[in-house]
Amino acid sequence: MKVFGRIRRHCSDDGLVELSEATFVGSPDALRQIAAFLSHAAQQLEQRGERFSHAHIQDEVESWGSHESEWPDVIVAS
């Protein structure tokens, strides 16, 4: 699983960038896991509102952590 992107602008000194696009390269299973995670995070955001800060896929999808050195963490933030 890999994620690539094109930089739109640098947002901070610690390397955070805003992307103009993101490209996900992975197996159908990995892409389904991302889709399910994004859907679940959207539900949490709706339910918790301002109390929702962020969610990491590696905290939500057990098998994601086993690929930690190879697969990037996907984070949803409000």
PDB file of N, CA and C in Angstrom:
ATOM      1  N   MET A   1       0.843  -1.174   0.000  1.00  0.00           N
ATOM      2  CA  MET A   1       0.000   0.000   0.000  1.00  0.00           C
ATOM      3  C   MET A   1       0.882   1.229   0.000  1.00  0.00           C
ATOM      4  N   LYS A   2       0.639   2.107  -0.915  1.00  0.00           N
ATOM      5  CA  LYS A   2       1.397   3.356  -0.986  1.00  0.00           C
ATOM      6  C   LYS A   2       0.430   4.494  -1.273  1.00  0.00           C
ATOM      7  N   VAL A   3       0.779   5.667  -0.802  1.00  0.00           N
ATOM      8  CA  VAL A   3       0.008   6.869  -1.088  1.00  0.00           C
ATOM      9  C   VAL A   3       0.972   7.913  -1.638  1.00  0.00           C
ATOM     10  N   PHE A   4       0.621   8.477  -2.783  1.00  0.00           N
ATOM     11  CA  PHE A   4       1.426   9.512  -3.407  1.00  0.00           C
ATOM     12  C   PHE A   4       0.579  10.771  -3.524  1.00  0.00           C
ATOM     13  N   GLY A   5       1.217  11.905  -3.636  1.00  0.00           N
ATOM     14  CA  GLY A   5       0.445  13.127  -3.820  1.00  0.00           C
ATOM     15  C   GLY A   5       1.289  14.230  -4.431  1.00  0.00           C
ATOM     16  N   ARG A   6       0.592  15.210  -4.919  1.00  0.00           N
ATOM     17  CA  ARG A   6       1.245  16.400  -5.466  1.00  0.00           C
ATOM     18  C   ARG A   6       1.054  17.535  -4.464  1.00  0.00           C
ATOM     19  N   ILE A   7       2.140  18.198  -4.143  1.00  0.00           N
ATOM     20  CA  ILE A   7       2.110  19.260  -3.144  1.00  0.00           C
ATOM     21  C   ILE A   7       1.473  20.526  -3.715  1.00  0.00           C
ATOM     22  N   ARG A   8       0.475  21.022  -3.009  1.00  0.00           N
ATOM     23  CA  ARG A   8      -0.128  22.311  -3.352  1.00  0.00           C
ATOM     24  C   ARG A   8       0.628  23.417  -2.617  1.00  0.00           C
ATOM     25  N   ARG A   9       0.864  23.194  -1.310  1.00  0.00           N
ATOM     26  CA  ARG A   9       1.621  24.180  -0.536  1.00  0.00           C
ATOM     27  C   ARG A   9       2.094  23.557   0.758  1.00  0.00           C
ATOM     28  N   HIS A  10       3.162  24.098   1.316  1.00  0.00           N
ATOM     29  CA  HIS A  10       3.681  23.674   2.613  1.00  0.00           C
ATOM     30  C   HIS A  10       2.892  24.387   3.700  1.00  0.00           C
ATOM     31  N   CYS A  11       2.483  23.643   4.732  1.00  0.00           N
ATOM     32  CA  CYS A  11       1.632  24.200   5.782  1.00  0.00           C
ATOM     33  C   CYS A  11       2.361  24.447   7.090  1.00  0.00           C
ATOM     34  N   SER A  12       3.483  23.771   7.299  1.00  0.00           N
ATOM     35  CA  SER A  12       4.196  23.928   8.566  1.00  0.00           C
ATOM     36  C   SER A  12       5.664  23.579   8.391  1.00  0.00           C
ATOM     37  N   ASP A  13       6.441  23.934   9.375  1.00  0.00           N
ATOM     38  CA  ASP A  13       7.875  23.658   9.338  1.00  0.00           C
ATOM     39  C   ASP A  13       8.195  22.181   9.588  1.00  0.00           C
ATOM     40  N   ASP A  14       7.227  21.432  10.131  1.00  0.00           N
ATOM     41  CA  ASP A  14       7.508  20.029  10.443  1.00  0.00           C
ATOM     42  C   ASP A  14       7.160  19.076   9.305  1.00  0.00           C
ATOM     43  N   GLY A  15       6.913  19.614   8.109  1.00  0.00           N
ATOM     44  CA  GLY A  15       6.735  18.778   6.931  1.00  0.00           C
ATOM     45  C   GLY A  15       5.311  18.576   6.470  1.00  0.00           C
ATOM     46  N   LEU A  16       4.331  19.119   7.172  1.00  0.00           N
ATOM     47  CA  LEU A  16       2.946  18.977   6.754  1.00  0.00           C
ATOM     48  C   LEU A  16       2.709  19.775   5.478  1.00  0.00           C
ATOM     49  N   VAL A  17       2.071  19.116   4.500  1.00  0.00           N
ATOM     50  CA  VAL A  17       1.782  19.778   3.229  1.00  0.00           C
ATOM     51  C   VAL A  17       0.314  19.587   2.870  1.00  0.00           C
ATOM     52  N   GLU A  18      -0.226  20.535   2.137  1.00  0.00           N
ATOM     53  CA  GLU A  18      -1.559  20.387   1.555  1.00  0.00           C
ATOM     54  C   GLU A  18      -1.368  19.797   0.169  1.00  0.00           C
ATOM     55  N   LEU A  19      -2.146  18.770  -0.155  1.00  0.00           N
ATOM     56  CA  LEU A  19      -2.014  18.111  -1.443  1.00  0.00           C
ATOM     57  C   LEU A  19      -3.079  18.605  -2.415  1.00  0.00           C
ATOM     58  N   SER A  20      -2.712  18.666  -3.673  1.00  0.00           N
ATOM     59  CA  SER A  20      -3.696  18.974  -4.713  1.00  0.00           C
ATOM     60  C   SER A  20      -4.347  17.695  -5.219  1.00  0.00           C
ATOM     61  N   GLU A  21      -3.722  16.551  -4.926  1.00  0.00           N
ATOM     62  CA  GLU A  21      -4.290  15.251  -5.270  1.00  0.00           C
ATOM     63  C   GLU A  21      -3.615  14.182  -4.436  1.00  0.00           C
ATOM     64  N   ALA A  22      -4.305  13.071  -4.244  1.00  0.00           N
ATOM     65  CA  ALA A  22      -3.741  11.920  -3.543  1.00  0.00           C
ATOM     66  C   ALA A  22      -4.006  10.687  -4.388  1.00  0.00           C
ATOM     67  N   THR A  23      -3.009   9.836  -4.531  1.00  0.00           N
ATOM     68  CA  THR A  23      -3.117   8.620  -5.311  1.00  0.00           C
ATOM     69  C   THR A  23      -2.853   7.432  -4.392  1.00  0.00           C
ATOM     70  N   PHE A  24      -3.826   6.521  -4.298  1.00  0.00           N
ATOM     71  CA  PHE A  24      -3.698   5.331  -3.474  1.00  0.00           C
ATOM     72  C   PHE A  24      -3.373   4.147  -4.371  1.00  0.00           C
ATOM     73  N   VAL A  25      -2.286   3.447  -4.081  1.00  0.00           N
ATOM     74  CA  VAL A  25      -1.878   2.277  -4.842  1.00  0.00           C
ATOM     75  C   VAL A  25      -1.880   1.101  -3.874  1.00  0.00           C
ATOM     76  N   GLY A  26      -2.803   0.188  -4.073  1.00  0.00           N
ATOM     77  CA  GLY A  26      -2.895  -0.944  -3.157  1.00  0.00           C
ATOM     78  C   GLY A  26      -3.816  -2.012  -3.697  1.00  0.00           C
ATOM     79  N   SER A  27      -3.910  -3.068  -2.942  1.00  0.00           N
ATOM     80  CA  SER A  27      -4.767  -4.185  -3.320  1.00  0.00           C
ATOM     81  C   SER A  27      -6.233  -3.786  -3.140  1.00  0.00           C
ATOM     82  N   PRO A  28      -7.138  -4.505  -3.791  1.00  0.00           N
ATOM     83  CA  PRO A  28      -8.556  -4.229  -3.579  1.00  0.00           C
ATOM     84  C   PRO A  28      -8.945  -4.303  -2.099  1.00  0.00           C
ATOM     85  N   ASP A  29      -8.368  -5.242  -1.360  1.00  0.00           N
ATOM     86  CA  ASP A  29      -8.675  -5.373   0.069  1.00  0.00           C
ATOM     87  C   ASP A  29      -8.227  -4.141   0.851  1.00  0.00           C
ATOM     88  N   ALA A  30      -7.023  -3.656   0.575  1.00  0.00           N
ATOM     89  CA  ALA A  30      -6.521  -2.469   1.277  1.00  0.00           C
ATOM     90  C   ALA A  30      -7.380  -1.249   0.954  1.00  0.00           C
ATOM     91  N   LEU A  31      -7.786  -1.116  -0.295  1.00  0.00           N
ATOM     92  CA  LEU A  31      -8.640   0.013  -0.684  1.00  0.00           C
ATOM     93  C   LEU A  31     -10.009  -0.079  -0.009  1.00  0.00           C
ATOM     94  N   ARG A  32     -10.549  -1.300   0.135  1.00  0.00           N
ATOM     95  CA  ARG A  32     -11.820  -1.480   0.842  1.00  0.00           C
ATOM     96  C   ARG A  32     -11.670  -1.123   2.326  1.00  0.00           C
ATOM     97  N   GLN A  33     -10.520  -1.459   2.897  1.00  0.00           N
ATOM     98  CA  GLN A  33     -10.280  -1.117   4.301  1.00  0.00           C
ATOM     99  C   GLN A  33     -10.242   0.398   4.485  1.00  0.00           C
ATOM    100  N   ILE A  34      -9.610   1.106   3.557  1.00  0.00           N
ATOM    101  CA  ILE A  34      -9.587   2.573   3.624  1.00  0.00           C
ATOM    102  C   ILE A  34     -10.999   3.124   3.497  1.00  0.00           C
ATOM    103  N   ALA A  35     -11.776   2.592   2.548  1.00  0.00           N
ATOM    104  CA  ALA A  35     -13.149   3.065   2.343  1.00  0.00           C
ATOM    105  C   ALA A  35     -13.990   2.842   3.602  1.00  0.00           C
ATOM    106  N   ALA A  36     -13.882   1.681   4.213  1.00  0.00           N
ATOM    107  CA  ALA A  36     -14.640   1.389   5.430  1.00  0.00           C
ATOM    108  C   ALA A  36     -14.201   2.302   6.570  1.00  0.00           C
ATOM    109  N   PHE A  37     -12.891   2.532   6.682  1.00  0.00           N
ATOM    110  CA  PHE A  37     -12.375   3.436   7.718  1.00  0.00           C
ATOM    111  C   PHE A  37     -12.909   4.853   7.521  1.00  0.00           C
ATOM    112  N   LEU A  38     -12.877   5.344   6.291  1.00  0.00           N
ATOM    113  CA  LEU A  38     -13.369   6.701   6.018  1.00  0.00           C
ATOM    114  C   LEU A  38     -14.857   6.817   6.338  1.00  0.00           C
ATOM    115  N   SER A  39     -15.634   5.792   6.009  1.00  0.00           N
ATOM    116  CA  SER A  39     -17.061   5.802   6.308  1.00  0.00           C
ATOM    117  C   SER A  39     -17.292   5.813   7.817  1.00  0.00           C
ATOM    118  N   HIS A  40     -16.551   4.999   8.542  1.00  0.00           N
ATOM    119  CA  HIS A  40     -16.687   4.938   9.999  1.00  0.00           C
ATOM    120  C   HIS A  40     -16.269   6.277  10.621  1.00  0.00           C
ATOM    121  N   ALA A  41     -15.192   6.860  10.137  1.00  0.00           N
ATOM    122  CA  ALA A  41     -14.738   8.157  10.665  1.00  0.00           C
ATOM    123  C   ALA A  41     -15.776   9.243  10.399  1.00  0.00           C
ATOM    124  N   ALA A  42     -16.422   9.202   9.243  1.00  0.00           N
ATOM    125  CA  ALA A  42     -17.475  10.171   8.928  1.00  0.00           C
ATOM    126  C   ALA A  42     -18.648  10.022   9.895  1.00  0.00           C
ATOM    127  N   GLN A  43     -19.005   8.781  10.222  1.00  0.00           N
ATOM    128  CA  GLN A  43     -20.073   8.544  11.200  1.00  0.00           C
ATOM    129  C   GLN A  43     -19.692   9.090  12.571  1.00  0.00           C
ATOM    130  N   GLN A  44     -18.437   8.862  12.976  1.00  0.00           N
ATOM    131  CA  GLN A  44     -17.963   9.387  14.265  1.00  0.00           C
ATOM    132  C   GLN A  44     -18.019  10.906  14.275  1.00  0.00           C
ATOM    133  N   LEU A  45     -17.614  11.524  13.192  1.00  0.00           N
ATOM    134  CA  LEU A  45     -17.633  12.982  13.091  1.00  0.00           C
ATOM    135  C   LEU A  45     -19.068  13.504  13.216  1.00  0.00           C
ATOM    136  N   GLU A  46     -20.007  12.840  12.549  1.00  0.00           N
ATOM    137  CA  GLU A  46     -21.408  13.244  12.652  1.00  0.00           C
ATOM    138  C   GLU A  46     -21.937  13.096  14.074  1.00  0.00           C
ATOM    139  N   GLN A  47     -21.597  11.986  14.714  1.00  0.00           N
ATOM    140  CA  GLN A  47     -22.114  11.701  16.042  1.00  0.00           C
ATOM    141  C   GLN A  47     -21.455  12.556  17.120  1.00  0.00           C
ATOM    142  N   ARG A  48     -20.158  12.766  17.026  1.00  0.00           N
ATOM    143  CA  ARG A  48     -19.413  13.454  18.089  1.00  0.00           C
ATOM    144  C   ARG A  48     -19.235  14.942  17.846  1.00  0.00           C
ATOM    145  N   GLY A  49     -19.423  15.373  16.603  1.00  0.00           N
ATOM    146  CA  GLY A  49     -19.302  16.796  16.297  1.00  0.00           C
ATOM    147  C   GLY A  49     -17.948  17.365  16.701  1.00  0.00           C
ATOM    148  N   GLU A  50     -17.974  18.440  17.440  1.00  0.00           N
ATOM    149  CA  GLU A  50     -16.736  19.122  17.839  1.00  0.00           C
ATOM    150  C   GLU A  50     -15.875  18.287  18.781  1.00  0.00           C
ATOM    151  N   ARG A  51     -16.457  17.269  19.397  1.00  0.00           N
ATOM    152  CA  ARG A  51     -15.676  16.394  20.286  1.00  0.00           C
ATOM    153  C   ARG A  51     -14.790  15.424  19.495  1.00  0.00           C
ATOM    154  N   PHE A  52     -15.045  15.308  18.190  1.00  0.00           N
ATOM    155  CA  PHE A  52     -14.207  14.462  17.335  1.00  0.00           C
ATOM    156  C   PHE A  52     -12.966  15.251  16.965  1.00  0.00           C
ATOM    157  N   SER A  53     -11.817  14.716  17.297  1.00  0.00           N
ATOM    158  CA  SER A  53     -10.555  15.376  16.980  1.00  0.00           C
ATOM    159  C   SER A  53      -9.948  14.758  15.720  1.00  0.00           C
ATOM    160  N   HIS A  54      -9.628  13.462  15.790  1.00  0.00           N
ATOM    161  CA  HIS A  54      -9.041  12.761  14.656  1.00  0.00           C
ATOM    162  C   HIS A  54      -9.099  11.253  14.894  1.00  0.00           C
ATOM    163  N   ALA A  55      -8.879  10.495  13.835  1.00  0.00           N
ATOM    164  CA  ALA A  55      -8.832   9.038  13.905  1.00  0.00           C
ATOM    165  C   ALA A  55      -7.743   8.537  12.962  1.00  0.00           C
ATOM    166  N   HIS A  56      -7.028   7.509  13.409  1.00  0.00           N
ATOM    167  CA  HIS A  56      -5.962   6.879  12.624  1.00  0.00           C
ATOM    168  C   HIS A  56      -6.434   5.509  12.152  1.00  0.00           C
ATOM    169  N   ILE A  57      -6.195   5.204  10.891  1.00  0.00           N
ATOM    170  CA  ILE A  57      -6.572   3.880  10.395  1.00  0.00           C
ATOM    171  C   ILE A  57      -5.813   2.789  11.129  1.00  0.00           C
ATOM    172  N   GLN A  58      -4.577   3.033  11.514  1.00  0.00           N
ATOM    173  CA  GLN A  58      -3.801   1.984  12.175  1.00  0.00           C
ATOM    174  C   GLN A  58      -4.326   1.693  13.581  1.00  0.00           C
ATOM    175  N   ASP A  59      -5.126   2.597  14.149  1.00  0.00           N
ATOM    176  CA  ASP A  59      -5.770   2.347  15.435  1.00  0.00           C
ATOM    177  C   ASP A  59      -7.121   1.657  15.265  1.00  0.00           C
ATOM    178  N   GLU A  60      -7.720   1.778  14.099  1.00  0.00           N
ATOM    179  CA  GLU A  60      -9.068   1.262  13.851  1.00  0.00           C
ATOM    180  C   GLU A  60      -9.073  -0.085  13.123  1.00  0.00           C
ATOM    181  N   VAL A  61      -8.100  -0.304  12.257  1.00  0.00           N
ATOM    182  CA  VAL A  61      -8.047  -1.536  11.457  1.00  0.00           C
ATOM    183  C   VAL A  61      -6.864  -2.356  11.944  1.00  0.00           C
ATOM    184  N   GLU A  62      -7.159  -3.446  12.646  1.00  0.00           N
ATOM    185  CA  GLU A  62      -6.117  -4.232  13.308  1.00  0.00           C
ATOM    186  C   GLU A  62      -4.999  -4.679  12.372  1.00  0.00           C
ATOM    187  N   SER A  63      -5.352  -5.149  11.185  1.00  0.00           N
ATOM    188  CA  SER A  63      -4.334  -5.664  10.260  1.00  0.00           C
ATOM    189  C   SER A  63      -3.446  -4.557   9.693  1.00  0.00           C
ATOM    190  N   TRP A  64      -3.905  -3.307   9.737  1.00  0.00           N
ATOM    191  CA  TRP A  64      -3.113  -2.200   9.184  1.00  0.00           C
ATOM    192  C   TRP A  64      -1.785  -2.066   9.931  1.00  0.00           C
ATOM    193  N   GLY A  65      -1.813  -2.202  11.242  1.00  0.00           N
ATOM    194  CA  GLY A  65      -0.602  -2.062  12.044  1.00  0.00           C
ATOM    195  C   GLY A  65       0.462  -3.091  11.732  1.00  0.00           C
ATOM    196  N   SER A  66       0.052  -4.263  11.226  1.00  0.00           N
ATOM    197  CA  SER A  66       1.038  -5.297  10.905  1.00  0.00           C
ATOM    198  C   SER A  66       1.867  -4.907   9.683  1.00  0.00           C
ATOM    199  N   HIS A  67       1.393  -3.922   8.930  1.00  0.00           N
ATOM    200  CA  HIS A  67       2.116  -3.436   7.747  1.00  0.00           C
ATOM    201  C   HIS A  67       2.734  -2.063   8.021  1.00  0.00           C
ATOM    202  N   GLU A  68       2.888  -1.709   9.297  1.00  0.00           N
ATOM    203  CA  GLU A  68       3.257  -0.344   9.698  1.00  0.00           C
ATOM    204  C   GLU A  68       4.469   0.204   8.957  1.00  0.00           C
ATOM    205  N   SER A  69       5.484  -0.636   8.741  1.00  0.00           N
ATOM    206  CA  SER A  69       6.691  -0.126   8.088  1.00  0.00           C
ATOM    207  C   SER A  69       6.476   0.096   6.590  1.00  0.00           C
ATOM    208  N   GLU A  70       5.454  -0.551   6.003  1.00  0.00           N
ATOM    209  CA  GLU A  70       5.215  -0.452   4.574  1.00  0.00           C
ATOM    210  C   GLU A  70       4.039   0.443   4.215  1.00  0.00           C
ATOM    211  N   TRP A  71       2.981   0.430   5.034  1.00  0.00           N
ATOM    212  CA  TRP A  71       1.748   1.130   4.702  1.00  0.00           C
ATOM    213  C   TRP A  71       1.660   2.426   5.491  1.00  0.00           C
ATOM    214  N   PRO A  72       1.332   3.525   4.850  1.00  0.00           N
ATOM    215  CA  PRO A  72       1.220   4.802   5.549  1.00  0.00           C
ATOM    216  C   PRO A  72      -0.043   4.827   6.400  1.00  0.00           C
ATOM    217  N   ASP A  73       0.008   5.566   7.495  1.00  0.00           N
ATOM    218  CA  ASP A  73      -1.176   5.774   8.311  1.00  0.00           C
ATOM    219  C   ASP A  73      -2.094   6.735   7.563  1.00  0.00           C
ATOM    220  N   VAL A  74      -3.390   6.484   7.621  1.00  0.00           N
ATOM    221  CA  VAL A  74      -4.383   7.397   7.052  1.00  0.00           C
ATOM    222  C   VAL A  74      -5.089   8.034   8.234  1.00  0.00           C
ATOM    223  N   ILE A  75      -5.181   9.346   8.248  1.00  0.00           N
ATOM    224  CA  ILE A  75      -5.744  10.069   9.390  1.00  0.00           C
ATOM    225  C   ILE A  75      -6.886  10.944   8.903  1.00  0.00           C
ATOM    226  N   VAL A  76      -8.005  10.887   9.621  1.00  0.00           N
ATOM    227  CA  VAL A  76      -9.127  11.780   9.380  1.00  0.00           C
ATOM    228  C   VAL A  76      -9.144  12.766  10.537  1.00  0.00           C
ATOM    229  N   ALA A  77      -9.166  14.057  10.218  1.00  0.00           N
ATOM    230  CA  ALA A  77      -9.185  15.103  11.244  1.00  0.00           C
ATOM    231  C   ALA A  77     -10.334  16.052  10.976  1.00  0.00           C
ATOM    232  N   SER A  78     -10.813  16.649  12.054  1.00  0.00           N
ATOM    233  CA  SER A  78     -11.895  17.612  11.875  1.00  0.00           C
ATOM    234  C   SER A  78     -11.363  19.024  11.903  1.00  0.00           C
TER     235      SER A  78
END
